[in-house]
Amino acid sequence: MLIRQSPMTDLSEADFLTSPLLSAAGFRHAFFTRHGGVSAAAYRSLNFSVLVGDSGENVAQNLERAARALVVPAERVYFLSQVHGAVAQAVSERDDRKATLVLEGDAVVSRAGHLACGVRTADCVPILLGDRQSGAVAAIHAGWRGMVRGVVEEGVRALRATLGAEGQLLAAIGPHISADAFEVSDEVGAELDRAAPEAAAASKRRGKTHVDLRGIARSKLLRLGLADADIDDVWGCTVGDAERFFSFRRDGARSGRHLSAIVPGS
């Protein structure tokens, strides 16, 4: 499902994707594609990282466009220094965004009002969560190392800690490297199988080990108590769809970075 363009944003209907499940519950959110920004060349066009070589001015303009789409100020779009770990950070409107940018972590949670919790990805799995009761949200960056280290579990734990209850959680799993494109060593495949044995995510394809990260993410969310009907899939393979998505595996270190973000509900 595509977010409809509003008069306040420079982005078009094709520039980012949403989850019907989260939208129906009233959560403003977006899985941004690579379209609709100002960056050029390898970063064309909606890139959200200066560390890949893009200019700070371009990234700032891209963030302004994303913020307008989310209907929050750009200085209230929070994401972390991601390290493929399992640390979650809680944020509020009182937190200085520049200080938050250097905090290490791979999950952001909040129940505050006029802000967005976000993660940046190129092939890793972005997961957005919201609680029906309180409106609290979380954004999780889950690469294969994060899956093994427990970032999905930690993100859900941190969200529930802000609630003081289990809550009524909804989740959307966004575009990332698909199982067909995610070829790994046998050792990595075995690690991921141990992280979510019920998912049976590792398989042999053309004699090589491939892993379904989407299946692992869903399996972990189910194990954490979410119902199957409360988990949405927002489809897309970052490697296979160069027109819509950046991909580190496909393009290397000069690949741009996507933003996926969610705004707490009222």
C-alpha atoms as a PDB file:
ATOM      1  CA  MET A   1       0.000   0.000   0.000  1.00  0.00           C
ATOM      2  CA  LEU A   2       1.314   3.473  -0.845  1.00  0.00           C
ATOM      3  CA  ILE A   3       1.040   6.591   1.286  1.00  0.00           C
ATOM      4  CA  ARG A   4      -1.053   9.187  -0.456  1.00  0.00           C
ATOM      5  CA  GLN A   5       0.658  12.444  -1.254  1.00  0.00           C
ATOM      6  CA  SER A   6      -0.364  15.342   0.987  1.00  0.00           C
ATOM      7  CA  PRO A   7      -0.126  19.031   0.093  1.00  0.00           C
ATOM      8  CA  MET A   8       2.671  19.393   2.672  1.00  0.00           C
ATOM      9  CA  THR A   9       5.137  16.943   1.129  1.00  0.00           C
ATOM     10  CA  ASP A  10       7.399  16.892  -1.895  1.00  0.00           C
ATOM     11  CA  LEU A  11       7.106  13.109  -2.103  1.00  0.00           C
ATOM     12  CA  SER A  12       4.767  11.316  -4.498  1.00  0.00           C
ATOM     13  CA  GLU A  13       2.619   8.233  -3.974  1.00  0.00           C
ATOM     14  CA  ALA A  14       5.380   5.943  -5.274  1.00  0.00           C
ATOM     15  CA  ASP A  15       8.083   7.217  -2.927  1.00  0.00           C
ATOM     16  CA  PHE A  16       7.236   5.197   0.175  1.00  0.00           C
ATOM     17  CA  LEU A  17       5.214   2.222   1.320  1.00  0.00           C
ATOM     18  CA  THR A  18       2.954   1.592   4.288  1.00  0.00           C
ATOM     19  CA  SER A  19       1.380  -1.297   6.151  1.00  0.00           C
ATOM     20  CA  PRO A  20      -2.424  -1.499   5.884  1.00  0.00           C
ATOM     21  CA  LEU A  21      -2.421  -2.982   9.392  1.00  0.00           C
ATOM     22  CA  LEU A  22      -0.578  -0.044  10.992  1.00  0.00           C
ATOM     23  CA  SER A  23      -2.522   2.477   8.918  1.00  0.00           C
ATOM     24  CA  ALA A  24      -5.864   1.024  10.012  1.00  0.00           C
ATOM     25  CA  ALA A  25      -4.752   1.384  13.638  1.00  0.00           C
ATOM     26  CA  GLY A  26      -3.983   5.072  13.040  1.00  0.00           C
ATOM     27  CA  PHE A  27      -0.183   4.998  13.012  1.00  0.00           C
ATOM     28  CA  ARG A  28       1.573   7.416  10.635  1.00  0.00           C
ATOM     29  CA  HIS A  29       4.578   5.575   9.255  1.00  0.00           C
ATOM     30  CA  ALA A  30       6.588   4.933   6.108  1.00  0.00           C
ATOM     31  CA  PHE A  31       9.041   2.526   4.538  1.00  0.00           C
ATOM     32  CA  PHE A  32      10.774   4.983   2.190  1.00  0.00           C
ATOM     33  CA  THR A  33      12.071   3.817  -1.188  1.00  0.00           C
ATOM     34  CA  ARG A  34      15.021   5.406  -2.989  1.00  0.00           C
ATOM     35  CA  HIS A  35      12.773   7.867  -4.871  1.00  0.00           C
ATOM     36  CA  GLY A  36      11.745  11.442  -4.169  1.00  0.00           C
ATOM     37  CA  GLY A  37      14.959  12.973  -2.832  1.00  0.00           C
ATOM     38  CA  VAL A  38      17.731  15.275  -4.022  1.00  0.00           C
ATOM     39  CA  SER A  39      20.827  13.035  -3.874  1.00  0.00           C
ATOM     40  CA  ALA A  40      22.608  12.121  -7.106  1.00  0.00           C
ATOM     41  CA  ALA A  41      24.692   9.373  -8.694  1.00  0.00           C
ATOM     42  CA  ALA A  42      25.053   6.250  -6.520  1.00  0.00           C
ATOM     43  CA  TYR A  43      22.781   7.783  -3.871  1.00  0.00           C
ATOM     44  CA  ARG A  44      19.903   8.683  -6.199  1.00  0.00           C
ATOM     45  CA  SER A  45      17.792  10.029  -4.762  1.00  0.00           C
ATOM     46  CA  LEU A  46      16.310   9.662  -1.252  1.00  0.00           C
ATOM     47  CA  ASN A  47      19.415   8.704   0.732  1.00  0.00           C
ATOM     48  CA  PHE A  48      19.526   9.173   4.519  1.00  0.00           C
ATOM     49  CA  SER A  49      23.211   8.655   5.362  1.00  0.00           C
ATOM     50  CA  VAL A  50      26.244  10.934   5.031  1.00  0.00           C
ATOM     51  CA  LEU A  51      28.561   8.084   6.053  1.00  0.00           C
ATOM     52  CA  VAL A  52      28.237   6.462   2.624  1.00  0.00           C
ATOM     53  CA  GLY A  53      29.725   9.556   0.939  1.00  0.00           C
ATOM     54  CA  ASP A  54      26.687  11.712   0.191  1.00  0.00           C
ATOM     55  CA  SER A  55      26.687  15.399   1.177  1.00  0.00           C
ATOM     56  CA  GLY A  56      25.218  16.596   4.455  1.00  0.00           C
ATOM     57  CA  GLU A  57      23.104  19.144   2.599  1.00  0.00           C
ATOM     58  CA  ASN A  58      21.501  16.473   0.423  1.00  0.00           C
ATOM     59  CA  VAL A  59      20.760  14.202   3.370  1.00  0.00           C
ATOM     60  CA  ALA A  60      19.287  17.108   5.343  1.00  0.00           C
ATOM     61  CA  GLN A  61      16.953  17.967   2.460  1.00  0.00           C
ATOM     62  CA  ASN A  62      15.925  14.325   2.143  1.00  0.00           C
ATOM     63  CA  LEU A  63      15.174  14.203   5.864  1.00  0.00           C
ATOM     64  CA  GLU A  64      13.034  17.353   5.579  1.00  0.00           C
ATOM     65  CA  ARG A  65      10.968  15.676   2.867  1.00  0.00           C
ATOM     66  CA  ALA A  66      10.536  12.519   4.911  1.00  0.00           C
ATOM     67  CA  ALA A  67       9.576  14.515   7.981  1.00  0.00           C
ATOM     68  CA  ARG A  68       6.895  16.396   6.070  1.00  0.00           C
ATOM     69  CA  ALA A  69       5.489  13.075   4.868  1.00  0.00           C
ATOM     70  CA  LEU A  70       5.378  11.849   8.475  1.00  0.00           C
ATOM     71  CA  VAL A  71       3.964  15.217   9.644  1.00  0.00           C
ATOM     72  CA  VAL A  72       6.687  15.798  12.235  1.00  0.00           C
ATOM     73  CA  PRO A  73       9.579  18.301  12.409  1.00  0.00           C
ATOM     74  CA  ALA A  74      12.844  17.056  10.895  1.00  0.00           C
ATOM     75  CA  GLU A  75      14.581  17.610  14.229  1.00  0.00           C
ATOM     76  CA  ARG A  76      12.149  15.111  15.749  1.00  0.00           C
ATOM     77  CA  VAL A  77      12.970  12.182  13.465  1.00  0.00           C
ATOM     78  CA  TYR A  78      15.103  10.000  15.733  1.00  0.00           C
ATOM     79  CA  PHE A  79      17.444   7.203  14.712  1.00  0.00           C
ATOM     80  CA  LEU A  80      20.639   5.798  16.205  1.00  0.00           C
ATOM     81  CA  SER A  81      24.195   4.848  15.332  1.00  0.00           C
ATOM     82  CA  GLN A  82      23.377   1.295  14.283  1.00  0.00           C
ATOM     83  CA  VAL A  83      25.897  -1.430  15.116  1.00  0.00           C
ATOM     84  CA  HIS A  84      24.088  -4.717  14.316  1.00  0.00           C
ATOM     85  CA  GLY A  85      23.610  -5.322  18.025  1.00  0.00           C
ATOM     86  CA  ALA A  86      20.643  -5.747  20.342  1.00  0.00           C
ATOM     87  CA  VAL A  87      20.411  -2.460  22.254  1.00  0.00           C
ATOM     88  CA  ALA A  88      17.188  -0.433  22.349  1.00  0.00           C
ATOM     89  CA  GLN A  89      17.029   3.259  23.230  1.00  0.00           C
ATOM     90  CA  ALA A  90      13.941   5.151  24.431  1.00  0.00           C
ATOM     91  CA  VAL A  91      13.500   8.716  23.167  1.00  0.00           C
ATOM     92  CA  SER A  92      11.219  11.660  23.904  1.00  0.00           C
ATOM     93  CA  GLU A  93      10.712  15.155  22.505  1.00  0.00           C
ATOM     94  CA  ARG A  94      13.087  16.455  25.186  1.00  0.00           C
ATOM     95  CA  ASP A  95      16.016  14.492  23.740  1.00  0.00           C
ATOM     96  CA  ASP A  96      18.470  16.366  21.549  1.00  0.00           C
ATOM     97  CA  ARG A  97      18.460  14.721  18.128  1.00  0.00           C
ATOM     98  CA  LYS A  98      22.184  15.291  17.501  1.00  0.00           C
ATOM     99  CA  ALA A  99      23.028  13.528  20.753  1.00  0.00           C
ATOM    100  CA  THR A 100      20.700  10.662  19.843  1.00  0.00           C
ATOM    101  CA  LEU A 101      22.375  10.177  16.456  1.00  0.00           C
ATOM    102  CA  VAL A 102      25.617   9.097  18.135  1.00  0.00           C
ATOM    103  CA  LEU A 103      23.995   6.693  20.600  1.00  0.00           C
ATOM    104  CA  GLU A 104      24.703   3.089  19.641  1.00  0.00           C
ATOM    105  CA  GLY A 105      21.664   0.892  19.238  1.00  0.00           C
ATOM    106  CA  ASP A 106      19.436  -0.888  16.764  1.00  0.00           C
ATOM    107  CA  ALA A 107      15.945  -0.232  18.145  1.00  0.00           C
ATOM    108  CA  VAL A 108      14.220   3.041  19.037  1.00  0.00           C
ATOM    109  CA  VAL A 109      11.095   3.226  21.196  1.00  0.00           C
ATOM    110  CA  SER A 110       8.827   6.066  22.319  1.00  0.00           C
ATOM    111  CA  ARG A 111       5.344   6.894  23.527  1.00  0.00           C
ATOM    112  CA  ALA A 112       5.865  10.654  23.154  1.00  0.00           C
ATOM    113  CA  GLY A 113       3.842  12.757  20.785  1.00  0.00           C
ATOM    114  CA  HIS A 114       5.201  14.792  17.893  1.00  0.00           C
ATOM    115  CA  LEU A 115       8.224  12.679  16.854  1.00  0.00           C
ATOM    116  CA  ALA A 116       9.146   9.651  14.750  1.00  0.00           C
ATOM    117  CA  CYS A 117      11.212   6.574  15.635  1.00  0.00           C
ATOM    118  CA  GLY A 118      13.277   5.395  12.683  1.00  0.00           C
ATOM    119  CA  VAL A 119      15.913   2.990  11.424  1.00  0.00           C
ATOM    120  CA  ARG A 120      18.118   3.120   8.335  1.00  0.00           C
ATOM    121  CA  THR A 121      18.686   0.069   6.150  1.00  0.00           C
ATOM    122  CA  ALA A 122      20.153  -1.065   2.835  1.00  0.00           C
ATOM    123  CA  ASP A 123      19.461  -4.831   2.974  1.00  0.00           C
ATOM    124  CA  CYS A 124      18.626  -5.428   6.646  1.00  0.00           C
ATOM    125  CA  VAL A 125      15.085  -5.890   7.917  1.00  0.00           C
ATOM    126  CA  PRO A 126      13.168  -2.825   9.140  1.00  0.00           C
ATOM    127  CA  ILE A 127      10.402  -3.681  11.602  1.00  0.00           C
ATOM    128  CA  LEU A 128       7.892  -1.067  12.795  1.00  0.00           C
ATOM    129  CA  LEU A 129       5.701  -1.770  15.827  1.00  0.00           C
ATOM    130  CA  GLY A 130       2.814   0.045  17.475  1.00  0.00           C
ATOM    131  CA  ASP A 131       0.673  -0.600  20.536  1.00  0.00           C
ATOM    132  CA  ARG A 132      -3.074  -0.247  19.914  1.00  0.00           C
ATOM    133  CA  GLN A 133      -3.801   0.788  23.500  1.00  0.00           C
ATOM    134  CA  SER A 134      -1.206   3.455  24.256  1.00  0.00           C
ATOM    135  CA  GLY A 135       0.037   4.476  20.813  1.00  0.00           C
ATOM    136  CA  ALA A 136       3.642   3.706  21.827  1.00  0.00           C
ATOM    137  CA  VAL A 137       5.919   2.613  18.976  1.00  0.00           C
ATOM    138  CA  ALA A 138       9.233   0.989  18.132  1.00  0.00           C
ATOM    139  CA  ALA A 139      11.463   0.819  15.074  1.00  0.00           C
ATOM    140  CA  ILE A 140      13.898  -2.099  14.821  1.00  0.00           C
ATOM    141  CA  HIS A 141      16.927  -2.566  12.550  1.00  0.00           C
ATOM    142  CA  ALA A 142      17.474  -6.319  12.169  1.00  0.00           C
ATOM    143  CA  GLY A 143      20.313  -7.615  10.048  1.00  0.00           C
ATOM    144  CA  TRP A 144      21.363 -11.234  10.322  1.00  0.00           C
ATOM    145  CA  ARG A 145      23.734 -10.455  13.214  1.00  0.00           C
ATOM    146  CA  GLY A 146      21.002  -8.552  15.010  1.00  0.00           C
ATOM    147  CA  MET A 147      18.612 -11.456  14.500  1.00  0.00           C
ATOM    148  CA  VAL A 148      21.144 -13.795  16.123  1.00  0.00           C
ATOM    149  CA  ARG A 149      21.913 -11.350  18.961  1.00  0.00           C
ATOM    150  CA  GLY A 150      18.249 -10.799  19.820  1.00  0.00           C
ATOM    151  CA  VAL A 151      17.415  -7.300  18.577  1.00  0.00           C
ATOM    152  CA  VAL A 152      13.796  -8.223  17.799  1.00  0.00           C
ATOM    153  CA  GLU A 153      13.317  -9.538  21.323  1.00  0.00           C
ATOM    154  CA  GLU A 154      15.022  -6.504  22.851  1.00  0.00           C
ATOM    155  CA  GLY A 155      12.976  -4.061  20.782  1.00  0.00           C
ATOM    156  CA  VAL A 156       9.711  -5.679  21.888  1.00  0.00           C
ATOM    157  CA  ARG A 157      10.928  -5.875  25.508  1.00  0.00           C
ATOM    158  CA  ALA A 158      11.828  -2.173  25.495  1.00  0.00           C
ATOM    159  CA  LEU A 159       8.477  -1.228  23.980  1.00  0.00           C
ATOM    160  CA  ARG A 160       6.626  -3.223  26.624  1.00  0.00           C
ATOM    161  CA  ALA A 161       8.800  -1.662  29.328  1.00  0.00           C
ATOM    162  CA  THR A 162       7.544   1.782  28.304  1.00  0.00           C
ATOM    163  CA  LEU A 163       3.989   0.455  28.659  1.00  0.00           C
ATOM    164  CA  GLY A 164       4.445  -1.455  31.886  1.00  0.00           C
ATOM    165  CA  ALA A 165       2.311  -4.124  30.219  1.00  0.00           C
ATOM    166  CA  GLU A 166       2.240  -6.615  27.356  1.00  0.00           C
ATOM    167  CA  GLY A 167       0.117  -4.242  25.281  1.00  0.00           C
ATOM    168  CA  GLN A 168      -1.709  -4.994  22.068  1.00  0.00           C
ATOM    169  CA  LEU A 169       1.178  -4.933  19.629  1.00  0.00           C
ATOM    170  CA  LEU A 170       1.056  -4.709  15.854  1.00  0.00           C
ATOM    171  CA  ALA A 171       4.100  -5.134  13.604  1.00  0.00           C
ATOM    172  CA  ALA A 172       5.030  -4.530   9.990  1.00  0.00           C
ATOM    173  CA  ILE A 173       8.084  -6.157   8.393  1.00  0.00           C
ATOM    174  CA  GLY A 174       9.428  -3.959   5.602  1.00  0.00           C
ATOM    175  CA  PRO A 175      11.403  -4.505   2.379  1.00  0.00           C
ATOM    176  CA  HIS A 176      14.846  -6.108   2.705  1.00  0.00           C
ATOM    177  CA  ILE A 177      17.081  -8.690   1.055  1.00  0.00           C
ATOM    178  CA  SER A 178      14.903 -11.640   0.039  1.00  0.00           C
ATOM    179  CA  ALA A 179      15.659 -15.304   0.668  1.00  0.00           C
ATOM    180  CA  ASP A 180      16.426 -15.818  -3.008  1.00  0.00           C
ATOM    181  CA  ALA A 181      19.116 -13.105  -2.869  1.00  0.00           C
ATOM    182  CA  PHE A 182      20.443 -13.798   0.638  1.00  0.00           C
ATOM    183  CA  GLU A 183      23.121 -16.421   0.025  1.00  0.00           C
ATOM    184  CA  VAL A 184      25.244 -17.123   3.111  1.00  0.00           C
ATOM    185  CA  SER A 185      27.859 -19.563   4.347  1.00  0.00           C
ATOM    186  CA  ASP A 186      26.697 -22.803   5.915  1.00  0.00           C
ATOM    187  CA  GLU A 187      27.958 -21.480   9.275  1.00  0.00           C
ATOM    188  CA  VAL A 188      25.818 -18.315   9.096  1.00  0.00           C
ATOM    189  CA  GLY A 189      22.833 -20.365   7.981  1.00  0.00           C
ATOM    190  CA  ALA A 190      23.254 -22.614  11.020  1.00  0.00           C
ATOM    191  CA  GLU A 191      23.482 -19.600  13.368  1.00  0.00           C
ATOM    192  CA  LEU A 192      20.264 -18.184  11.973  1.00  0.00           C
ATOM    193  CA  ASP A 193      18.505 -21.543  12.223  1.00  0.00           C
ATOM    194  CA  ARG A 194      19.461 -21.713  15.901  1.00  0.00           C
ATOM    195  CA  ALA A 195      18.110 -18.171  16.422  1.00  0.00           C
ATOM    196  CA  ALA A 196      14.643 -19.226  15.237  1.00  0.00           C
ATOM    197  CA  PRO A 197      14.509 -23.016  14.795  1.00  0.00           C
ATOM    198  CA  GLU A 198      10.755 -23.073  14.252  1.00  0.00           C
ATOM    199  CA  ALA A 199      11.130 -20.835  11.178  1.00  0.00           C
ATOM    200  CA  ALA A 200      13.216 -23.390   9.247  1.00  0.00           C
ATOM    201  CA  ALA A 201      14.569 -20.335   7.433  1.00  0.00           C
ATOM    202  CA  ALA A 202      17.780 -21.787   5.965  1.00  0.00           C
ATOM    203  CA  SER A 203      17.499 -23.862   2.798  1.00  0.00           C
ATOM    204  CA  LYS A 204      19.611 -25.048  -0.093  1.00  0.00           C
ATOM    205  CA  ARG A 205      19.051 -23.357  -3.438  1.00  0.00           C
ATOM    206  CA  ARG A 206      21.196 -24.335  -6.399  1.00  0.00           C
ATOM    207  CA  GLY A 207      23.599 -25.952  -3.947  1.00  0.00           C
ATOM    208  CA  LYS A 208      24.025 -22.778  -1.837  1.00  0.00           C
ATOM    209  CA  THR A 209      22.611 -21.884   1.580  1.00  0.00           C
ATOM    210  CA  HIS A 210      19.936 -19.169   1.520  1.00  0.00           C
ATOM    211  CA  VAL A 211      18.083 -17.680   4.485  1.00  0.00           C
ATOM    212  CA  ASP A 212      14.615 -16.155   4.784  1.00  0.00           C
ATOM    213  CA  LEU A 213      15.044 -13.219   7.190  1.00  0.00           C
ATOM    214  CA  ARG A 214      11.370 -12.318   6.888  1.00  0.00           C
ATOM    215  CA  GLY A 215      10.447 -15.768   8.128  1.00  0.00           C
ATOM    216  CA  ILE A 216      12.820 -15.409  11.079  1.00  0.00           C
ATOM    217  CA  ALA A 217      11.406 -11.997  11.998  1.00  0.00           C
ATOM    218  CA  ARG A 218       7.830 -13.288  11.900  1.00  0.00           C
ATOM    219  CA  SER A 219       8.784 -16.384  13.910  1.00  0.00           C
ATOM    220  CA  LYS A 220      10.401 -14.254  16.608  1.00  0.00           C
ATOM    221  CA  LEU A 221       7.392 -11.912  16.805  1.00  0.00           C
ATOM    222  CA  LEU A 222       5.044 -14.888  17.155  1.00  0.00           C
ATOM    223  CA  ARG A 223       7.230 -16.322  19.896  1.00  0.00           C
ATOM    224  CA  LEU A 224       7.007 -12.960  21.669  1.00  0.00           C
ATOM    225  CA  GLY A 225       3.243 -13.211  21.800  1.00  0.00           C
ATOM    226  CA  LEU A 226       2.008 -11.366  18.723  1.00  0.00           C
ATOM    227  CA  ALA A 227      -0.773 -13.042  16.788  1.00  0.00           C
ATOM    228  CA  ASP A 228      -0.177 -13.949  13.168  1.00  0.00           C
ATOM    229  CA  ALA A 229      -2.956 -11.563  12.134  1.00  0.00           C
ATOM    230  CA  ASP A 230      -1.149  -8.730  13.928  1.00  0.00           C
ATOM    231  CA  ILE A 231       1.978  -9.022  11.759  1.00  0.00           C
ATOM    232  CA  ASP A 232       1.965  -7.415   8.324  1.00  0.00           C
ATOM    233  CA  ASP A 233       4.354  -7.955   5.412  1.00  0.00           C
ATOM    234  CA  VAL A 234       5.349  -4.941   3.326  1.00  0.00           C
ATOM    235  CA  TRP A 235       7.006  -6.646   0.375  1.00  0.00           C
ATOM    236  CA  GLY A 236      10.087  -5.820  -1.652  1.00  0.00           C
ATOM    237  CA  CYS A 237      13.564  -7.235  -2.277  1.00  0.00           C
ATOM    238  CA  THR A 238      16.258  -4.594  -1.962  1.00  0.00           C
ATOM    239  CA  VAL A 239      18.739  -6.596  -4.038  1.00  0.00           C
ATOM    240  CA  GLY A 240      16.409  -7.592  -6.837  1.00  0.00           C
ATOM    241  CA  ASP A 241      14.638  -4.247  -7.338  1.00  0.00           C
ATOM    242  CA  ALA A 242      17.354  -1.701  -8.148  1.00  0.00           C
ATOM    243  CA  GLU A 243      14.763   0.759  -9.449  1.00  0.00           C
ATOM    244  CA  ARG A 244      13.085   1.136  -6.058  1.00  0.00           C
ATOM    245  CA  PHE A 245      15.685   0.146  -3.474  1.00  0.00           C
ATOM    246  CA  PHE A 246      19.272   0.670  -2.379  1.00  0.00           C
ATOM    247  CA  SER A 247      21.287  -2.491  -1.669  1.00  0.00           C
ATOM    248  CA  PHE A 248      24.688  -2.857  -0.035  1.00  0.00           C
ATOM    249  CA  ARG A 249      25.013  -6.419  -1.290  1.00  0.00           C
ATOM    250  CA  ARG A 250      24.303  -5.353  -4.870  1.00  0.00           C
ATOM    251  CA  ASP A 251      26.097  -1.988  -4.990  1.00  0.00           C
ATOM    252  CA  GLY A 252      28.733  -2.093  -2.267  1.00  0.00           C
ATOM    253  CA  ALA A 253      29.828   0.604   0.165  1.00  0.00           C
ATOM    254  CA  ARG A 254      28.460   3.480  -1.925  1.00  0.00           C
ATOM    255  CA  SER A 255      24.910   2.225  -1.614  1.00  0.00           C
ATOM    256  CA  GLY A 256      22.444   4.691  -0.145  1.00  0.00           C
ATOM    257  CA  ARG A 257      20.379   4.039   2.976  1.00  0.00           C
ATOM    258  CA  HIS A 258      16.610   3.906   3.369  1.00  0.00           C
ATOM    259  CA  LEU A 259      14.631   5.285   6.284  1.00  0.00           C
ATOM    260  CA  SER A 260      11.712   3.454   7.857  1.00  0.00           C
ATOM    261  CA  ALA A 261       9.884   5.354  10.591  1.00  0.00           C
ATOM    262  CA  ILE A 262       6.725   5.419  12.725  1.00  0.00           C
ATOM    263  CA  VAL A 263       5.009   8.147  14.744  1.00  0.00           C
ATOM    264  CA  PRO A 264       3.434   7.362  18.139  1.00  0.00           C
ATOM    265  CA  GLY A 265      -0.347   7.455  18.130  1.00  0.00           C
ATOM    266  CA  SER A 266      -2.440   9.658  20.383  1.00  0.00           C
END
